[in-house]
Amino acid sequence: MSDPLIRELDHYVVLEPAGGERILTAAETLGWLEHHLSVMAEVPADLSGLPSRADQAARLLETACQLELEPGRSVQWFAVRLEPPGQA
């Protein structure tokens, strides 16, 4: 089970093989995962029983930090907490 504190985070660093790293909101990260799932020939077996790409993306966001798109090519995402300026 994932740490409940992770679900409180609103931003993620996403890493792509050709795209480098970006910081996305939680909603943008879900869309990013949905996109990657939609272009896969076959989604991972543990996600295949879920009714929609949105449900699959939400499950990934809650339970994993990497998705193998094809052998040797993966995307990753990590929850981050962004501090307001002047608060560190």
N, C-alpha and C. Protein backbone atom coordinates (compact mmCIF):
# COMPACT_ATOMS: atom_id res chain seq x y z
N MET A 1 0.85 -1.18 0.00
CA MET A 1 0.00 0.00 0.00
C MET A 1 0.89 1.24 0.00
N SER A 2 0.52 2.22 -0.75
CA SER A 2 1.33 3.43 -0.85
C SER A 2 1.15 4.30 0.39
N ASP A 3 2.11 5.16 0.61
CA ASP A 3 2.09 6.08 1.73
C ASP A 3 1.00 7.13 1.50
N PRO A 4 0.08 7.34 2.47
CA PRO A 4 -0.99 8.32 2.28
C PRO A 4 -0.46 9.73 2.05
N LEU A 5 0.72 10.05 2.56
CA LEU A 5 1.29 11.38 2.37
C LEU A 5 1.53 11.64 0.88
N ILE A 6 1.88 10.62 0.12
CA ILE A 6 2.13 10.79 -1.32
C ILE A 6 0.90 11.35 -2.01
N ARG A 7 -0.29 10.89 -1.62
CA ARG A 7 -1.52 11.35 -2.28
C ARG A 7 -1.79 12.82 -2.02
N GLU A 8 -1.15 13.41 -1.02
CA GLU A 8 -1.34 14.82 -0.73
C GLU A 8 -0.46 15.70 -1.61
N LEU A 9 0.46 15.12 -2.33
CA LEU A 9 1.38 15.90 -3.14
C LEU A 9 0.72 16.27 -4.47
N ASP A 10 1.00 17.47 -4.90
CA ASP A 10 0.34 17.99 -6.09
C ASP A 10 1.22 18.03 -7.33
N HIS A 11 2.49 17.67 -7.20
CA HIS A 11 3.41 17.76 -8.33
C HIS A 11 4.26 16.50 -8.44
N TYR A 12 4.67 16.22 -9.67
CA TYR A 12 5.50 15.06 -9.96
C TYR A 12 6.59 15.45 -10.93
N VAL A 13 7.77 14.87 -10.74
CA VAL A 13 8.82 14.96 -11.74
C VAL A 13 8.63 13.75 -12.63
N VAL A 14 8.51 13.98 -13.93
CA VAL A 14 8.36 12.88 -14.88
C VAL A 14 9.61 12.80 -15.74
N LEU A 15 10.04 11.58 -15.99
CA LEU A 15 11.26 11.34 -16.77
C LEU A 15 10.92 10.48 -17.97
N GLU A 16 11.35 10.93 -19.14
CA GLU A 16 11.14 10.19 -20.37
C GLU A 16 12.49 9.95 -21.04
N PRO A 17 12.64 8.82 -21.72
CA PRO A 17 13.93 8.52 -22.35
C PRO A 17 14.42 9.64 -23.28
N ALA A 18 13.54 10.20 -24.08
CA ALA A 18 13.97 11.22 -25.04
C ALA A 18 13.61 12.63 -24.59
N GLY A 19 12.80 12.77 -23.56
CA GLY A 19 12.30 14.09 -23.20
C GLY A 19 12.92 14.72 -21.97
N GLY A 20 13.81 14.03 -21.31
CA GLY A 20 14.40 14.60 -20.11
C GLY A 20 13.40 14.60 -18.97
N GLU A 21 13.52 15.59 -18.09
CA GLU A 21 12.62 15.66 -16.94
C GLU A 21 11.78 16.93 -16.98
N ARG A 22 10.55 16.79 -16.46
CA ARG A 22 9.63 17.92 -16.35
C ARG A 22 8.90 17.82 -15.03
N ILE A 23 8.42 18.95 -14.53
CA ILE A 23 7.57 18.95 -13.36
C ILE A 23 6.14 19.19 -13.84
N LEU A 24 5.24 18.27 -13.45
CA LEU A 24 3.85 18.36 -13.83
C LEU A 24 2.97 18.36 -12.59
N THR A 25 1.77 18.92 -12.72
CA THR A 25 0.79 18.80 -11.65
C THR A 25 0.30 17.36 -11.60
N ALA A 26 -0.42 17.01 -10.53
CA ALA A 26 -0.97 15.66 -10.43
C ALA A 26 -1.91 15.37 -11.60
N ALA A 27 -2.76 16.33 -11.97
CA ALA A 27 -3.69 16.14 -13.09
C ALA A 27 -2.93 15.97 -14.40
N GLU A 28 -1.89 16.75 -14.61
CA GLU A 28 -1.08 16.62 -15.83
C GLU A 28 -0.36 15.27 -15.86
N THR A 29 0.09 14.81 -14.70
CA THR A 29 0.77 13.52 -14.62
C THR A 29 -0.18 12.39 -14.98
N LEU A 30 -1.43 12.48 -14.50
CA LEU A 30 -2.42 11.47 -14.87
C LEU A 30 -2.64 11.45 -16.39
N GLY A 31 -2.74 12.63 -16.99
CA GLY A 31 -2.89 12.71 -18.44
C GLY A 31 -1.69 12.15 -19.17
N TRP A 32 -0.51 12.44 -18.65
CA TRP A 32 0.75 11.94 -19.23
C TRP A 32 0.78 10.41 -19.18
N LEU A 33 0.35 9.84 -18.04
CA LEU A 33 0.31 8.38 -17.93
C LEU A 33 -0.75 7.79 -18.86
N GLU A 34 -1.92 8.43 -18.93
CA GLU A 34 -2.97 7.95 -19.84
C GLU A 34 -2.46 7.91 -21.28
N HIS A 35 -1.75 8.95 -21.67
CA HIS A 35 -1.19 8.98 -23.03
C HIS A 35 -0.26 7.79 -23.25
N HIS A 36 0.66 7.56 -22.33
CA HIS A 36 1.61 6.45 -22.51
C HIS A 36 0.89 5.11 -22.53
N LEU A 37 -0.13 4.96 -21.71
CA LEU A 37 -0.89 3.71 -21.72
C LEU A 37 -1.65 3.53 -23.03
N SER A 38 -2.15 4.62 -23.59
CA SER A 38 -2.96 4.54 -24.81
C SER A 38 -2.14 4.15 -26.04
N VAL A 39 -0.85 4.40 -26.03
CA VAL A 39 -0.03 4.06 -27.20
C VAL A 39 0.68 2.71 -27.04
N MET A 40 0.50 2.07 -25.91
CA MET A 40 1.12 0.76 -25.70
C MET A 40 0.32 -0.31 -26.45
N ALA A 41 1.01 -1.27 -27.01
CA ALA A 41 0.34 -2.38 -27.68
C ALA A 41 -0.48 -3.19 -26.68
N GLU A 42 0.05 -3.36 -25.48
CA GLU A 42 -0.63 -4.12 -24.44
C GLU A 42 -0.26 -3.52 -23.08
N VAL A 43 -1.25 -3.19 -22.28
CA VAL A 43 -0.97 -2.62 -20.95
C VAL A 43 -0.54 -3.75 -20.02
N PRO A 44 0.16 -3.43 -18.95
CA PRO A 44 0.57 -4.47 -18.00
C PRO A 44 -0.64 -5.25 -17.48
N ALA A 45 -0.43 -6.52 -17.20
CA ALA A 45 -1.51 -7.42 -16.80
C ALA A 45 -2.27 -6.93 -15.58
N ASP A 46 -1.56 -6.33 -14.62
CA ASP A 46 -2.25 -5.88 -13.41
C ASP A 46 -3.16 -4.68 -13.64
N LEU A 47 -3.07 -4.05 -14.79
CA LEU A 47 -3.94 -2.92 -15.13
C LEU A 47 -5.03 -3.30 -16.11
N SER A 48 -4.88 -4.43 -16.79
CA SER A 48 -5.78 -4.77 -17.88
C SER A 48 -7.23 -4.96 -17.45
N GLY A 49 -7.48 -5.30 -16.20
CA GLY A 49 -8.84 -5.49 -15.72
C GLY A 49 -9.56 -4.22 -15.33
N LEU A 50 -8.86 -3.10 -15.33
CA LEU A 50 -9.49 -1.83 -14.96
C LEU A 50 -10.26 -1.29 -16.16
N PRO A 51 -11.41 -0.63 -15.91
CA PRO A 51 -12.31 -0.28 -17.00
C PRO A 51 -11.86 0.83 -17.95
N SER A 52 -10.97 1.70 -17.53
CA SER A 52 -10.60 2.81 -18.42
C SER A 52 -9.13 3.16 -18.27
N ARG A 53 -8.62 3.90 -19.25
CA ARG A 53 -7.23 4.40 -19.17
C ARG A 53 -7.07 5.31 -17.95
N ALA A 54 -8.09 6.09 -17.65
CA ALA A 54 -8.01 6.98 -16.48
C ALA A 54 -7.85 6.17 -15.20
N ASP A 55 -8.58 5.07 -15.07
CA ASP A 55 -8.46 4.21 -13.90
C ASP A 55 -7.09 3.55 -13.86
N GLN A 56 -6.60 3.13 -15.02
CA GLN A 56 -5.28 2.52 -15.08
C GLN A 56 -4.20 3.52 -14.67
N ALA A 57 -4.30 4.75 -15.17
CA ALA A 57 -3.32 5.78 -14.84
C ALA A 57 -3.36 6.10 -13.35
N ALA A 58 -4.55 6.18 -12.78
CA ALA A 58 -4.69 6.48 -11.35
C ALA A 58 -4.05 5.36 -10.52
N ARG A 59 -4.26 4.10 -10.92
CA ARG A 59 -3.66 2.98 -10.19
C ARG A 59 -2.14 3.06 -10.26
N LEU A 60 -1.60 3.37 -11.44
CA LEU A 60 -0.15 3.51 -11.57
C LEU A 60 0.38 4.62 -10.68
N LEU A 61 -0.30 5.76 -10.69
CA LEU A 61 0.16 6.90 -9.90
C LEU A 61 0.20 6.56 -8.41
N GLU A 62 -0.75 5.75 -7.96
CA GLU A 62 -0.84 5.38 -6.54
C GLU A 62 0.11 4.26 -6.14
N THR A 63 0.49 3.41 -7.08
CA THR A 63 1.19 2.18 -6.69
C THR A 63 2.57 1.98 -7.30
N ALA A 64 2.95 2.80 -8.26
CA ALA A 64 4.22 2.55 -8.96
C ALA A 64 4.94 3.87 -9.23
N CYS A 65 6.12 3.76 -9.79
CA CYS A 65 6.86 4.96 -10.20
C CYS A 65 7.57 4.73 -11.54
N GLN A 66 7.23 3.63 -12.20
CA GLN A 66 7.86 3.33 -13.49
C GLN A 66 6.90 2.50 -14.34
N LEU A 67 6.93 2.77 -15.65
CA LEU A 67 6.14 2.01 -16.60
C LEU A 67 7.06 1.64 -17.76
N GLU A 68 7.21 0.34 -18.00
CA GLU A 68 8.03 -0.10 -19.12
C GLU A 68 7.18 -0.05 -20.38
N LEU A 69 7.55 0.82 -21.31
CA LEU A 69 6.81 1.00 -22.54
C LEU A 69 7.09 -0.12 -23.52
N GLU A 70 8.34 -0.55 -23.53
CA GLU A 70 8.80 -1.68 -24.34
C GLU A 70 10.11 -2.13 -23.69
N PRO A 71 10.58 -3.31 -24.00
CA PRO A 71 11.81 -3.77 -23.35
C PRO A 71 12.95 -2.74 -23.47
N GLY A 72 13.49 -2.37 -22.32
CA GLY A 72 14.60 -1.44 -22.28
C GLY A 72 14.22 0.03 -22.38
N ARG A 73 12.93 0.35 -22.44
CA ARG A 73 12.48 1.74 -22.57
C ARG A 73 11.34 2.00 -21.58
N SER A 74 11.63 2.83 -20.57
CA SER A 74 10.66 3.09 -19.51
C SER A 74 10.49 4.58 -19.28
N VAL A 75 9.35 4.92 -18.68
CA VAL A 75 9.13 6.27 -18.17
C VAL A 75 9.01 6.15 -16.65
N GLN A 76 9.36 7.21 -15.94
CA GLN A 76 9.31 7.21 -14.49
C GLN A 76 8.67 8.50 -14.00
N TRP A 77 8.13 8.46 -12.79
CA TRP A 77 7.54 9.65 -12.16
C TRP A 77 7.77 9.55 -10.66
N PHE A 78 7.99 10.70 -10.06
CA PHE A 78 8.27 10.77 -8.64
C PHE A 78 7.53 11.96 -8.05
N ALA A 79 6.82 11.73 -6.96
CA ALA A 79 6.12 12.81 -6.28
C ALA A 79 7.13 13.76 -5.66
N VAL A 80 6.87 15.06 -5.77
CA VAL A 80 7.72 16.07 -5.17
C VAL A 80 6.84 17.09 -4.47
N ARG A 81 7.40 17.68 -3.44
CA ARG A 81 6.71 18.76 -2.75
C ARG A 81 7.41 20.06 -3.12
N LEU A 82 6.65 20.97 -3.67
CA LEU A 82 7.19 22.27 -4.04
C LEU A 82 6.91 23.24 -2.90
N GLU A 83 7.96 23.85 -2.41
CA GLU A 83 7.83 24.83 -1.32
C GLU A 83 7.60 26.22 -1.92
N PRO A 84 6.70 26.98 -1.32
CA PRO A 84 6.53 28.37 -1.79
C PRO A 84 7.83 29.14 -1.61
N PRO A 85 8.09 30.16 -2.47
CA PRO A 85 9.33 30.94 -2.34
C PRO A 85 9.49 31.48 -0.92
N GLY A 86 10.71 31.38 -0.42
CA GLY A 86 11.02 31.91 0.91
C GLY A 86 10.76 30.93 2.04
N GLN A 87 10.23 29.73 1.74
CA GLN A 87 9.98 28.74 2.76
C GLN A 87 10.78 27.49 2.46
N ALA A 88 11.83 27.27 3.17
CA ALA A 88 12.62 26.07 2.93
C ALA A 88 12.98 25.40 4.22
